[in-house]
PDB file of N, CA and C in Angstrom:
ATOM      1  N   MET A   1     -17.946  32.334 -26.283  1.00  0.00           N
ATOM      2  CA  MET A   1     -18.014  32.399 -24.840  1.00  0.00           C
ATOM      3  C   MET A   1     -17.876  30.990 -24.251  1.00  0.00           C
ATOM      4  N   LEU A   2     -17.144  30.881 -23.159  1.00  0.00           N
ATOM      5  CA  LEU A   2     -16.927  29.591 -22.517  1.00  0.00           C
ATOM      6  C   LEU A   2     -18.158  29.158 -21.729  1.00  0.00           C
ATOM      7  N   ASP A   3     -18.416  27.887 -21.800  1.00  0.00           N
ATOM      8  CA  ASP A   3     -19.534  27.311 -21.065  1.00  0.00           C
ATOM      9  C   ASP A   3     -19.078  27.032 -19.626  1.00  0.00           C
ATOM     10  N   LYS A   4     -19.727  27.670 -18.645  1.00  0.00           N
ATOM     11  CA  LYS A   4     -19.333  27.520 -17.240  1.00  0.00           C
ATOM     12  C   LYS A   4     -19.470  26.075 -16.779  1.00  0.00           C
ATOM     13  N   ARG A   5     -20.464  25.356 -17.284  1.00  0.00           N
ATOM     14  CA  ARG A   5     -20.631  23.953 -16.886  1.00  0.00           C
ATOM     15  C   ARG A   5     -19.450  23.117 -17.348  1.00  0.00           C
ATOM     16  N   LYS A   6     -18.947  23.393 -18.542  1.00  0.00           N
ATOM     17  CA  LYS A   6     -17.817  22.650 -19.068  1.00  0.00           C
ATOM     18  C   LYS A   6     -16.559  22.932 -18.234  1.00  0.00           C
ATOM     19  N   ILE A   7     -16.334  24.190 -17.889  1.00  0.00           N
ATOM     20  CA  ILE A   7     -15.194  24.557 -17.059  1.00  0.00           C
ATOM     21  C   ILE A   7     -15.319  23.894 -15.689  1.00  0.00           C
ATOM     22  N   SER A   8     -16.501  23.946 -15.111  1.00  0.00           N
ATOM     23  CA  SER A   8     -16.733  23.344 -13.800  1.00  0.00           C
ATOM     24  C   SER A   8     -16.490  21.836 -13.857  1.00  0.00           C
ATOM     25  N   ARG A   9     -16.972  21.173 -14.886  1.00  0.00           N
ATOM     26  CA  ARG A   9     -16.809  19.734 -15.037  1.00  0.00           C
ATOM     27  C   ARG A   9     -15.331  19.388 -15.202  1.00  0.00           C
ATOM     28  N   ASN A  10     -14.607  20.173 -15.987  1.00  0.00           N
ATOM     29  CA  ASN A  10     -13.186  19.919 -16.175  1.00  0.00           C
ATOM     30  C   ASN A  10     -12.419  20.119 -14.877  1.00  0.00           C
ATOM     31  N   SER A  11     -12.771  21.146 -14.115  1.00  0.00           N
ATOM     32  CA  SER A  11     -12.114  21.390 -12.830  1.00  0.00           C
ATOM     33  C   SER A  11     -12.386  20.250 -11.866  1.00  0.00           C
ATOM     34  N   GLU A  12     -13.627  19.779 -11.845  1.00  0.00           N
ATOM     35  CA  GLU A  12     -13.983  18.673 -10.964  1.00  0.00           C
ATOM     36  C   GLU A  12     -13.266  17.395 -11.385  1.00  0.00           C
ATOM     37  N   THR A  13     -13.204  17.143 -12.687  1.00  0.00           N
ATOM     38  CA  THR A  13     -12.490  15.975 -13.201  1.00  0.00           C
ATOM     39  C   THR A  13     -11.014  16.060 -12.845  1.00  0.00           C
ATOM     40  N   ASP A  14     -10.413  17.229 -13.025  1.00  0.00           N
ATOM     41  CA  ASP A  14      -9.001  17.417 -12.675  1.00  0.00           C
ATOM     42  C   ASP A  14      -8.765  17.168 -11.193  1.00  0.00           C
ATOM     43  N   ARG A  15      -9.687  17.611 -10.369  1.00  0.00           N
ATOM     44  CA  ARG A  15      -9.568  17.415  -8.925  1.00  0.00           C
ATOM     45  C   ARG A  15      -9.593  15.924  -8.580  1.00  0.00           C
ATOM     46  N   TYR A  16     -10.488  15.167  -9.210  1.00  0.00           N
ATOM     47  CA  TYR A  16     -10.565  13.732  -8.945  1.00  0.00           C
ATOM     48  C   TYR A  16      -9.338  12.993  -9.487  1.00  0.00           C
ATOM     49  N   ILE A  17      -8.831  13.431 -10.600  1.00  0.00           N
ATOM     50  CA  ILE A  17      -7.613  12.821 -11.144  1.00  0.00           C
ATOM     51  C   ILE A  17      -6.449  13.052 -10.191  1.00  0.00           C
ATOM     52  N   GLN A  18      -6.316  14.267  -9.675  1.00  0.00           N
ATOM     53  CA  GLN A  18      -5.250  14.559  -8.725  1.00  0.00           C
ATOM     54  C   GLN A  18      -5.411  13.752  -7.443  1.00  0.00           C
ATOM     55  N   LEU A  19      -6.646  13.618  -6.974  1.00  0.00           N
ATOM     56  CA  LEU A  19      -6.918  12.831  -5.772  1.00  0.00           C
ATOM     57  C   LEU A  19      -6.540  11.371  -5.999  1.00  0.00           C
ATOM     58  N   ALA A  20      -6.887  10.827  -7.148  1.00  0.00           N
ATOM     59  CA  ALA A  20      -6.541   9.443  -7.473  1.00  0.00           C
ATOM     60  C   ALA A  20      -5.023   9.273  -7.544  1.00  0.00           C
ATOM     61  N   ASN A  21      -4.336  10.241  -8.128  1.00  0.00           N
ATOM     62  CA  ASN A  21      -2.876  10.180  -8.189  1.00  0.00           C
ATOM     63  C   ASN A  21      -2.266  10.186  -6.794  1.00  0.00           C
ATOM     64  N   ASP A  22      -2.803  11.030  -5.919  1.00  0.00           N
ATOM     65  CA  ASP A  22      -2.323  11.083  -4.539  1.00  0.00           C
ATOM     66  C   ASP A  22      -2.547   9.751  -3.828  1.00  0.00           C
ATOM     67  N   PHE A  23      -3.708   9.133  -4.064  1.00  0.00           N
ATOM     68  CA  PHE A  23      -4.000   7.828  -3.476  1.00  0.00           C
ATOM     69  C   PHE A  23      -2.978   6.788  -3.941  1.00  0.00           C
ATOM     70  N   LEU A  24      -2.655   6.818  -5.224  1.00  0.00           N
ATOM     71  CA  LEU A  24      -1.718   5.840  -5.764  1.00  0.00           C
ATOM     72  C   LEU A  24      -0.319   6.004  -5.176  1.00  0.00           C
ATOM     73  N   VAL A  25       0.100   7.229  -4.959  1.00  0.00           N
ATOM     74  CA  VAL A  25       1.408   7.467  -4.349  1.00  0.00           C
ATOM     75  C   VAL A  25       1.438   6.873  -2.942  1.00  0.00           C
ATOM     76  N   LEU A  26       0.391   7.091  -2.174  1.00  0.00           N
ATOM     77  CA  LEU A  26       0.320   6.530  -0.819  1.00  0.00           C
ATOM     78  C   LEU A  26       0.284   5.004  -0.855  1.00  0.00           C
ATOM     79  N   ALA A  27      -0.453   4.445  -1.789  1.00  0.00           N
ATOM     80  CA  ALA A  27      -0.525   2.985  -1.920  1.00  0.00           C
ATOM     81  C   ALA A  27       0.844   2.413  -2.273  1.00  0.00           C
ATOM     82  N   GLU A  28       1.550   3.059  -3.184  1.00  0.00           N
ATOM     83  CA  GLU A  28       2.877   2.594  -3.577  1.00  0.00           C
ATOM     84  C   GLU A  28       3.840   2.613  -2.400  1.00  0.00           C
ATOM     85  N   LYS A  29       3.765   3.648  -1.587  1.00  0.00           N
ATOM     86  CA  LYS A  29       4.639   3.736  -0.417  1.00  0.00           C
ATOM     87  C   LYS A  29       4.344   2.620   0.575  1.00  0.00           C
ATOM     88  N   GLU A  30       3.076   2.372   0.825  1.00  0.00           N
ATOM     89  CA  GLU A  30       2.680   1.323   1.767  1.00  0.00           C
ATOM     90  C   GLU A  30       3.119  -0.047   1.257  1.00  0.00           C
ATOM     91  N   LEU A  31       2.839  -0.334  -0.006  1.00  0.00           N
ATOM     92  CA  LEU A  31       3.211  -1.625  -0.582  1.00  0.00           C
ATOM     93  C   LEU A  31       4.726  -1.793  -0.595  1.00  0.00           C
ATOM     94  N   SER A  32       5.437  -0.763  -0.957  1.00  0.00           N
ATOM     95  CA  SER A  32       6.893  -0.831  -1.024  1.00  0.00           C
ATOM     96  C   SER A  32       7.510  -1.136   0.342  1.00  0.00           C
ATOM     97  N   ALA A  33       7.039  -0.466   1.368  1.00  0.00           N
ATOM     98  CA  ALA A  33       7.562  -0.707   2.721  1.00  0.00           C
ATOM     99  C   ALA A  33       7.261  -2.139   3.164  1.00  0.00           C
ATOM    100  N   PHE A  34       6.067  -2.607   2.881  1.00  0.00           N
ATOM    101  CA  PHE A  34       5.674  -3.958   3.256  1.00  0.00           C
ATOM    102  C   PHE A  34       6.544  -4.996   2.539  1.00  0.00           C
ATOM    103  N   ILE A  35       6.729  -4.823   1.250  1.00  0.00           N
ATOM    104  CA  ILE A  35       7.490  -5.786   0.462  1.00  0.00           C
ATOM    105  C   ILE A  35       8.961  -5.795   0.862  1.00  0.00           C
ATOM    106  N   ARG A  36       9.524  -4.625   1.144  1.00  0.00           N
ATOM    107  CA  ARG A  36      10.924  -4.578   1.604  1.00  0.00           C
ATOM    108  C   ARG A  36      11.099  -5.379   2.898  1.00  0.00           C
ATOM    109  N   ALA A  37      10.150  -5.231   3.826  1.00  0.00           N
ATOM    110  CA  ALA A  37      10.232  -5.956   5.094  1.00  0.00           C
ATOM    111  C   ALA A  37      10.109  -7.457   4.871  1.00  0.00           C
ATOM    112  N   VAL A  38       9.159  -7.869   4.037  1.00  0.00           N
ATOM    113  CA  VAL A  38       8.971  -9.299   3.770  1.00  0.00           C
ATOM    114  C   VAL A  38      10.204  -9.870   3.075  1.00  0.00           C
ATOM    115  N   GLN A  39      10.739  -9.132   2.122  1.00  0.00           N
ATOM    116  CA  GLN A  39      11.917  -9.632   1.410  1.00  0.00           C
ATOM    117  C   GLN A  39      13.114  -9.764   2.350  1.00  0.00           C
ATOM    118  N   LYS A  40      13.279  -8.809   3.223  1.00  0.00           N
ATOM    119  CA  LYS A  40      14.399  -8.853   4.168  1.00  0.00           C
ATOM    120  C   LYS A  40      14.281 -10.056   5.102  1.00  0.00           C
ATOM    121  N   LEU A  41      13.066 -10.360   5.516  1.00  0.00           N
ATOM    122  CA  LEU A  41      12.860 -11.474   6.450  1.00  0.00           C
ATOM    123  C   LEU A  41      12.776 -12.838   5.775  1.00  0.00           C
ATOM    124  N   PHE A  42      12.118 -12.898   4.614  1.00  0.00           N
ATOM    125  CA  PHE A  42      11.782 -14.196   4.033  1.00  0.00           C
ATOM    126  C   PHE A  42      12.295 -14.437   2.622  1.00  0.00           C
ATOM    127  N   GLY A  43      12.813 -13.414   1.970  1.00  0.00           N
ATOM    128  CA  GLY A  43      13.350 -13.602   0.626  1.00  0.00           C
ATOM    129  C   GLY A  43      12.421 -13.124  -0.472  1.00  0.00           C
ATOM    130  N   ALA A  44      12.968 -13.147  -1.679  1.00  0.00           N
ATOM    131  CA  ALA A  44      12.287 -12.564  -2.838  1.00  0.00           C
ATOM    132  C   ALA A  44      10.997 -13.298  -3.218  1.00  0.00           C
ATOM    133  N   GLU A  45      11.009 -14.612  -3.169  1.00  0.00           N
ATOM    134  CA  GLU A  45       9.814 -15.364  -3.585  1.00  0.00           C
ATOM    135  C   GLU A  45       8.636 -15.090  -2.658  1.00  0.00           C
ATOM    136  N   GLN A  46       8.897 -15.068  -1.357  1.00  0.00           N
ATOM    137  CA  GLN A  46       7.812 -14.779  -0.415  1.00  0.00           C
ATOM    138  C   GLN A  46       7.356 -13.331  -0.556  1.00  0.00           C
ATOM    139  N   ALA A  47       8.281 -12.424  -0.849  1.00  0.00           N
ATOM    140  CA  ALA A  47       7.924 -11.022  -1.064  1.00  0.00           C
ATOM    141  C   ALA A  47       7.012 -10.889  -2.287  1.00  0.00           C
ATOM    142  N   ARG A  48       7.320 -11.645  -3.340  1.00  0.00           N
ATOM    143  CA  ARG A  48       6.479 -11.617  -4.547  1.00  0.00           C
ATOM    144  C   ARG A  48       5.072 -12.106  -4.227  1.00  0.00           C
ATOM    145  N   GLN A  49       4.974 -13.210  -3.493  1.00  0.00           N
ATOM    146  CA  GLN A  49       3.655 -13.748  -3.142  1.00  0.00           C
ATOM    147  C   GLN A  49       2.904 -12.777  -2.233  1.00  0.00           C
ATOM    148  N   SER A  50       3.598 -12.163  -1.305  1.00  0.00           N
ATOM    149  CA  SER A  50       2.951 -11.204  -0.407  1.00  0.00           C
ATOM    150  C   SER A  50       2.474  -9.972  -1.166  1.00  0.00           C
ATOM    151  N   ALA A  51       3.222  -9.556  -2.172  1.00  0.00           N
ATOM    152  CA  ALA A  51       2.789  -8.430  -3.011  1.00  0.00           C
ATOM    153  C   ALA A  51       1.499  -8.785  -3.742  1.00  0.00           C
ATOM    154  N   LEU A  52       1.433 -10.003  -4.259  1.00  0.00           N
ATOM    155  CA  LEU A  52       0.204 -10.447  -4.934  1.00  0.00           C
ATOM    156  C   LEU A  52      -0.967 -10.496  -3.958  1.00  0.00           C
ATOM    157  N   ASP A  53      -0.712 -10.960  -2.736  1.00  0.00           N
ATOM    158  CA  ASP A  53      -1.763 -10.989  -1.709  1.00  0.00           C
ATOM    159  C   ASP A  53      -2.228  -9.574  -1.378  1.00  0.00           C
ATOM    160  N   TRP A  54      -1.289  -8.646  -1.280  1.00  0.00           N
ATOM    161  CA  TRP A  54      -1.602  -7.244  -0.966  1.00  0.00           C
ATOM    162  C   TRP A  54      -2.489  -6.655  -2.065  1.00  0.00           C
ATOM    163  N   ILE A  55      -2.098  -6.887  -3.298  1.00  0.00           N
ATOM    164  CA  ILE A  55      -2.864  -6.352  -4.435  1.00  0.00           C
ATOM    165  C   ILE A  55      -4.249  -6.986  -4.505  1.00  0.00           C
ATOM    166  N   GLU A  56      -4.322  -8.283  -4.229  1.00  0.00           N
ATOM    167  CA  GLU A  56      -5.616  -8.968  -4.207  1.00  0.00           C
ATOM    168  C   GLU A  56      -6.544  -8.344  -3.161  1.00  0.00           C
ATOM    169  N   GLU A  57      -6.001  -8.073  -1.993  1.00  0.00           N
ATOM    170  CA  GLU A  57      -6.812  -7.443  -0.947  1.00  0.00           C
ATOM    171  C   GLU A  57      -7.225  -6.037  -1.357  1.00  0.00           C
ATOM    172  N   LEU A  58      -6.342  -5.315  -1.997  1.00  0.00           N
ATOM    173  CA  LEU A  58      -6.653  -3.969  -2.478  1.00  0.00           C
ATOM    174  C   LEU A  58      -7.841  -4.010  -3.444  1.00  0.00           C
ATOM    175  N   GLU A  59      -7.864  -5.025  -4.291  1.00  0.00           N
ATOM    176  CA  GLU A  59      -8.969  -5.172  -5.239  1.00  0.00           C
ATOM    177  C   GLU A  59     -10.292  -5.461  -4.536  1.00  0.00           C
ATOM    178  N   ARG A  60     -10.246  -6.089  -3.376  1.00  0.00           N
ATOM    179  CA  ARG A  60     -11.463  -6.409  -2.622  1.00  0.00           C
ATOM    180  C   ARG A  60     -11.990  -5.240  -1.801  1.00  0.00           C
ATOM    181  N   MET A  61     -11.143  -4.269  -1.548  1.00  0.00           N
ATOM    182  CA  MET A  61     -11.535  -3.157  -0.687  1.00  0.00           C
ATOM    183  C   MET A  61     -12.647  -2.335  -1.334  1.00  0.00           C
ATOM    184  N   ASP A  62     -13.514  -1.790  -0.483  1.00  0.00           N
ATOM    185  CA  ASP A  62     -14.524  -0.845  -0.951  1.00  0.00           C
ATOM    186  C   ASP A  62     -13.841   0.501  -1.101  1.00  0.00           C
ATOM    187  N   TRP A  63     -13.853   1.015  -2.304  1.00  0.00           N
ATOM    188  CA  TRP A  63     -13.215   2.305  -2.531  1.00  0.00           C
ATOM    189  C   TRP A  63     -14.156   3.393  -2.077  1.00  0.00           C
ATOM    190  N   PRO A  64     -13.617   4.328  -1.356  1.00  0.00           N
ATOM    191  CA  PRO A  64     -14.462   5.417  -0.846  1.00  0.00           C
ATOM    192  C   PRO A  64     -14.844   6.381  -1.959  1.00  0.00           C
ATOM    193  N   SER A  65     -15.883   7.105  -1.689  1.00  0.00           N
ATOM    194  CA  SER A  65     -16.256   8.173  -2.602  1.00  0.00           C
ATOM    195  C   SER A  65     -15.885   9.488  -1.940  1.00  0.00           C
ATOM    196  N   GLY A  66     -15.765  10.505  -2.706  1.00  0.00           N
ATOM    197  CA  GLY A  66     -15.441  11.812  -2.140  1.00  0.00           C
ATOM    198  C   GLY A  66     -13.977  11.928  -1.804  1.00  0.00           C
ATOM    199  N   ASP A  67     -13.699  12.610  -0.702  1.00  0.00           N
ATOM    200  CA  ASP A  67     -12.322  12.931  -0.340  1.00  0.00           C
ATOM    201  C   ASP A  67     -11.704  11.999   0.696  1.00  0.00           C
ATOM    202  N   SER A  68     -12.417  10.959   1.122  1.00  0.00           N
ATOM    203  CA  SER A  68     -11.837  10.098   2.149  1.00  0.00           C
ATOM    204  C   SER A  68     -10.722   9.246   1.543  1.00  0.00           C
ATOM    205  N   ILE A  69      -9.701   8.987   2.339  1.00  0.00           N
ATOM    206  CA  ILE A  69      -8.523   8.263   1.883  1.00  0.00           C
ATOM    207  C   ILE A  69      -8.707   6.775   2.176  1.00  0.00           C
ATOM    208  N   PRO A  70      -8.415   5.919   1.191  1.00  0.00           N
ATOM    209  CA  PRO A  70      -8.498   4.476   1.440  1.00  0.00           C
ATOM    210  C   PRO A  70      -7.521   4.062   2.534  1.00  0.00           C
ATOM    211  N   ASP A  71      -7.857   3.014   3.252  1.00  0.00           N
ATOM    212  CA  ASP A  71      -6.996   2.516   4.316  1.00  0.00           C
ATOM    213  C   ASP A  71      -6.068   1.450   3.744  1.00  0.00           C
ATOM    214  N   TRP A  72      -4.903   1.891   3.266  1.00  0.00           N
ATOM    215  CA  TRP A  72      -3.945   0.980   2.652  1.00  0.00           C
ATOM    216  C   TRP A  72      -3.441  -0.038   3.669  1.00  0.00           C
ATOM    217  N   ARG A  73      -3.439   0.334   4.920  1.00  0.00           N
ATOM    218  CA  ARG A  73      -2.941  -0.579   5.953  1.00  0.00           C
ATOM    219  C   ARG A  73      -3.808  -1.833   6.047  1.00  0.00           C
ATOM    220  N   GLN A  74      -5.076  -1.703   5.673  1.00  0.00           N
ATOM    221  CA  GLN A  74      -5.957  -2.870   5.686  1.00  0.00           C
ATOM    222  C   GLN A  74      -5.386  -3.949   4.768  1.00  0.00           C
ATOM    223  N   ALA A  75      -4.928  -3.565   3.598  1.00  0.00           N
ATOM    224  CA  ALA A  75      -4.336  -4.528   2.670  1.00  0.00           C
ATOM    225  C   ALA A  75      -3.066  -5.125   3.270  1.00  0.00           C
ATOM    226  N   THR A  76      -2.279  -4.313   3.961  1.00  0.00           N
ATOM    227  CA  THR A  76      -1.047  -4.788   4.582  1.00  0.00           C
ATOM    228  C   THR A  76      -1.341  -5.779   5.705  1.00  0.00           C
ATOM    229  N   VAL A  77      -2.345  -5.464   6.507  1.00  0.00           N
ATOM    230  CA  VAL A  77      -2.703  -6.354   7.616  1.00  0.00           C
ATOM    231  C   VAL A  77      -3.169  -7.711   7.079  1.00  0.00           C
ATOM    232  N   VAL A  78      -3.996  -7.712   6.071  1.00  0.00           N
ATOM    233  CA  VAL A  78      -4.504  -8.972   5.520  1.00  0.00           C
ATOM    234  C   VAL A  78      -3.370  -9.771   4.880  1.00  0.00           C
ATOM    235  N   ALA A  79      -2.513  -9.103   4.102  1.00  0.00           N
ATOM    236  CA  ALA A  79      -1.384  -9.803   3.481  1.00  0.00           C
ATOM    237  C   ALA A  79      -0.427 -10.330   4.545  1.00  0.00           C
ATOM    238  N   SER A  80      -0.246  -9.594   5.630  1.00  0.00           N
ATOM    239  CA  SER A  80       0.607 -10.051   6.734  1.00  0.00           C
ATOM    240  C   SER A  80       0.005 -11.274   7.412  1.00  0.00           C
ATOM    241  N   ALA A  81      -1.306 -11.257   7.579  1.00  0.00           N
ATOM    242  CA  ALA A  81      -1.977 -12.407   8.186  1.00  0.00           C
ATOM    243  C   ALA A  81      -1.822 -13.648   7.311  1.00  0.00           C
ATOM    244  N   ARG A  82      -1.949 -13.476   6.005  1.00  0.00           N
ATOM    245  CA  ARG A  82      -1.737 -14.614   5.098  1.00  0.00           C
ATOM    246  C   ARG A  82      -0.306 -15.133   5.213  1.00  0.00           C
ATOM    247  N   LEU A  83       0.638 -14.209   5.306  1.00  0.00           N
ATOM    248  CA  LEU A  83       2.035 -14.597   5.458  1.00  0.00           C
ATOM    249  C   LEU A  83       2.227 -15.378   6.753  1.00  0.00           C
ATOM    250  N   ALA A  84       1.613 -14.901   7.824  1.00  0.00           N
ATOM    251  CA  ALA A  84       1.738 -15.585   9.120  1.00  0.00           C
ATOM    252  C   ALA A  84       1.114 -16.982   9.076  1.00  0.00           C
ATOM    253  N   LEU A  85       0.007 -17.115   8.363  1.00  0.00           N
ATOM    254  CA  LEU A  85      -0.676 -18.407   8.303  1.00  0.00           C
ATOM    255  C   LEU A  85      -0.033 -19.376   7.316  1.00  0.00           C
ATOM    256  N   TRP A  86       0.398 -18.864   6.160  1.00  0.00           N
ATOM    257  CA  TRP A  86       0.840 -19.741   5.086  1.00  0.00           C
ATOM    258  C   TRP A  86       2.310 -19.591   4.729  1.00  0.00           C
ATOM    259  N   GLY A  87       2.949 -18.546   5.234  1.00  0.00           N
ATOM    260  CA  GLY A  87       4.335 -18.295   4.869  1.00  0.00           C
ATOM    261  C   GLY A  87       5.302 -19.136   5.679  1.00  0.00           C
ATOM    262  N   PRO A  88       6.585 -18.940   5.428  1.00  0.00           N
ATOM    263  CA  PRO A  88       7.606 -19.687   6.161  1.00  0.00           C
ATOM    264  C   PRO A  88       7.680 -19.227   7.611  1.00  0.00           C
ATOM    265  N   ALA A  89       8.300 -20.036   8.441  1.00  0.00           N
ATOM    266  CA  ALA A  89       8.487 -19.660   9.846  1.00  0.00           C
ATOM    267  C   ALA A  89       9.388 -18.433   9.916  1.00  0.00           C
ATOM    268  N   ILE A  90       9.169 -17.611  10.917  1.00  0.00           N
ATOM    269  CA  ILE A  90       9.986 -16.413  11.081  1.00  0.00           C
ATOM    270  C   ILE A  90      11.385 -16.838  11.516  1.00  0.00           C
ATOM    271  N   PRO A  91      12.411 -16.363  10.804  1.00  0.00           N
ATOM    272  CA  PRO A  91      13.767 -16.744  11.177  1.00  0.00           C
ATOM    273  C   PRO A  91      14.153 -16.211  12.550  1.00  0.00           C
ATOM    274  N   ILE A  92      15.004 -16.920  13.241  1.00  0.00           N
ATOM    275  CA  ILE A  92      15.477 -16.483  14.557  1.00  0.00           C
ATOM    276  C   ILE A  92      16.249 -15.187  14.393  1.00  0.00           C
ATOM    277  N   GLY A  93      15.961 -14.233  15.258  1.00  0.00           N
ATOM    278  CA  GLY A  93      16.647 -12.945  15.208  1.00  0.00           C
ATOM    279  C   GLY A  93      16.077 -11.993  14.174  1.00  0.00           C
ATOM    280  N   ALA A  94      14.936 -12.336  13.600  1.00  0.00           N
ATOM    281  CA  ALA A  94      14.364 -11.490  12.550  1.00  0.00           C
ATOM    282  C   ALA A  94      14.018 -10.105  13.061  1.00  0.00           C
ATOM    283  N   GLY A  95      13.575 -10.004  14.295  1.00  0.00           N
ATOM    284  CA  GLY A  95      13.180  -8.709  14.834  1.00  0.00           C
ATOM    285  C   GLY A  95      14.302  -7.698  14.817  1.00  0.00           C
ATOM    286  N   LYS A  96      15.516  -8.135  15.103  1.00  0.00           N
ATOM    287  CA  LYS A  96      16.631  -7.189  15.119  1.00  0.00           C
ATOM    288  C   LYS A  96      16.965  -6.711  13.713  1.00  0.00           C
ATOM    289  N   ASP A  97      16.642  -7.512  12.680  1.00  0.00           N
ATOM    290  CA  ASP A  97      16.910  -7.110  11.305  1.00  0.00           C
ATOM    291  C   ASP A  97      16.060  -5.920  10.881  1.00  0.00           C
ATOM    292  N   LEU A  98      14.900  -5.757  11.498  1.00  0.00           N
ATOM    293  CA  LEU A  98      14.010  -4.680  11.135  1.00  0.00           C
ATOM    294  C   LEU A  98      14.194  -3.443  12.008  1.00  0.00           C
ATOM    295  N   ALA A  99      14.929  -3.575  13.107  1.00  0.00           N
ATOM    296  CA  ALA A  99      15.139  -2.443  14.002  1.00  0.00           C
ATOM    297  C   ALA A  99      16.045  -1.428  13.327  1.00  0.00           C
ATOM    298  N   PRO A 100      15.764  -0.125  13.507  1.00  0.00           N
ATOM    299  CA  PRO A 100      16.622   0.889  12.914  1.00  0.00           C
ATOM    300  C   PRO A 100      18.017   0.820  13.515  1.00  0.00           C
ATOM    301  N   GLU A 101      19.009   1.082  12.660  1.00  0.00           N
ATOM    302  CA  GLU A 101      20.381   1.085  13.142  1.00  0.00           C
ATOM    303  C   GLU A 101      20.632   2.352  13.924  1.00  0.00           C
ATOM    304  N   GLU A 102      21.661   2.304  14.732  1.00  0.00           N
ATOM    305  CA  GLU A 102      21.987   3.445  15.557  1.00  0.00           C
ATOM    306  C   GLU A 102      22.231   4.661  14.679  1.00  0.00           C
ATOM    307  N   GLY A 103      21.613   5.761  15.043  1.00  0.00           N
ATOM    308  CA  GLY A 103      21.751   6.989  14.269  1.00  0.00           C
ATOM    309  C   GLY A 103      20.662   7.179  13.235  1.00  0.00           C
ATOM    310  N   ASP A 104      19.915   6.097  12.892  1.00  0.00           N
ATOM    311  CA  ASP A 104      18.795   6.225  11.957  1.00  0.00           C
ATOM    312  C   ASP A 104      17.617   6.842  12.674  1.00  0.00           C
ATOM    313  N   SER A 105      16.872   7.646  11.959  1.00  0.00           N
ATOM    314  CA  SER A 105      15.648   8.198  12.537  1.00  0.00           C
ATOM    315  C   SER A 105      14.456   7.543  11.885  1.00  0.00           C
ATOM    316  N   CYS A 106      13.396   7.398  12.644  1.00  0.00           N
ATOM    317  CA  CYS A 106      12.175   6.757  12.126  1.00  0.00           C
ATOM    318  C   CYS A 106      11.224   7.776  11.616  1.00  0.00           C
TER     319      CYS A 106
END
């Protein structure tokens, strides 16, 4: 006969594993979008440093318990602030480089 506690524990563990996987997918999307923007504006080396800053901030974040979703944007905001303080000057016309092209949807 199956032990109900074991089944319950496995189901709960599976649920947390799936939740963690979902969190990682969202984190990857946020980091990827941030790095693409930095690379487009400032180049590969600055994008690499900004990625390291983003990951460093992620490590400092308090991870929630339960079902609440981490605020990945917090890591992006902090890494962006570091870029603004320590990174290269923003190139002239950079804003238009990030604007969607005609016909693109956001």
